[in-house]
Amino acid sequence: MVAVENFEEHYRRLVDEVFFRFTPSRITLGCLRGLAATIARAKDKSWLPFLAESSNWGRKPPIEIRVKLYANIIEHLRDQYNYRNVAVCKDTLAIWKWLKEMFGLDYRNVKCNCNNSLPGSP
């Protein structure tokens, strides 16, 4: 996910389009991130200013942005579709702490799409 202008509307519309066609068995959310190798090899680095925070998963948007992105979708999924099978992939323990406080999501108990047999990665 990327915090483009009017991202709330755009991502909610995307969710609505998906649910118009089918109900996913699981939804995994994630934000733009830049691994060191990706950054080093990128010819166009205009996207780097969006990645202000360093983590074990590479550079990421600031936590305040990621919280807004994730909350927008999780709330929409719950309010409009009563949908709760959501995970977040390759994010920090600080995000997972927030997800647990706000939505009851615990990385030890959710599955990510990148590996069906393992819990979502902190």
Foldseek 3Di string as FASTA:
>chain_A
DAPDVPVLVVVLVVVVVVVVPHDDPAAEDEFDFDDPVNCVPDPDPPCVVQFDDQDPLHTHGDPVVVVVNVCSVQVSCCVPPVDDQYHYADDDPVVQVVCCVPPVDHQQPHPDPVDRVGGHDD
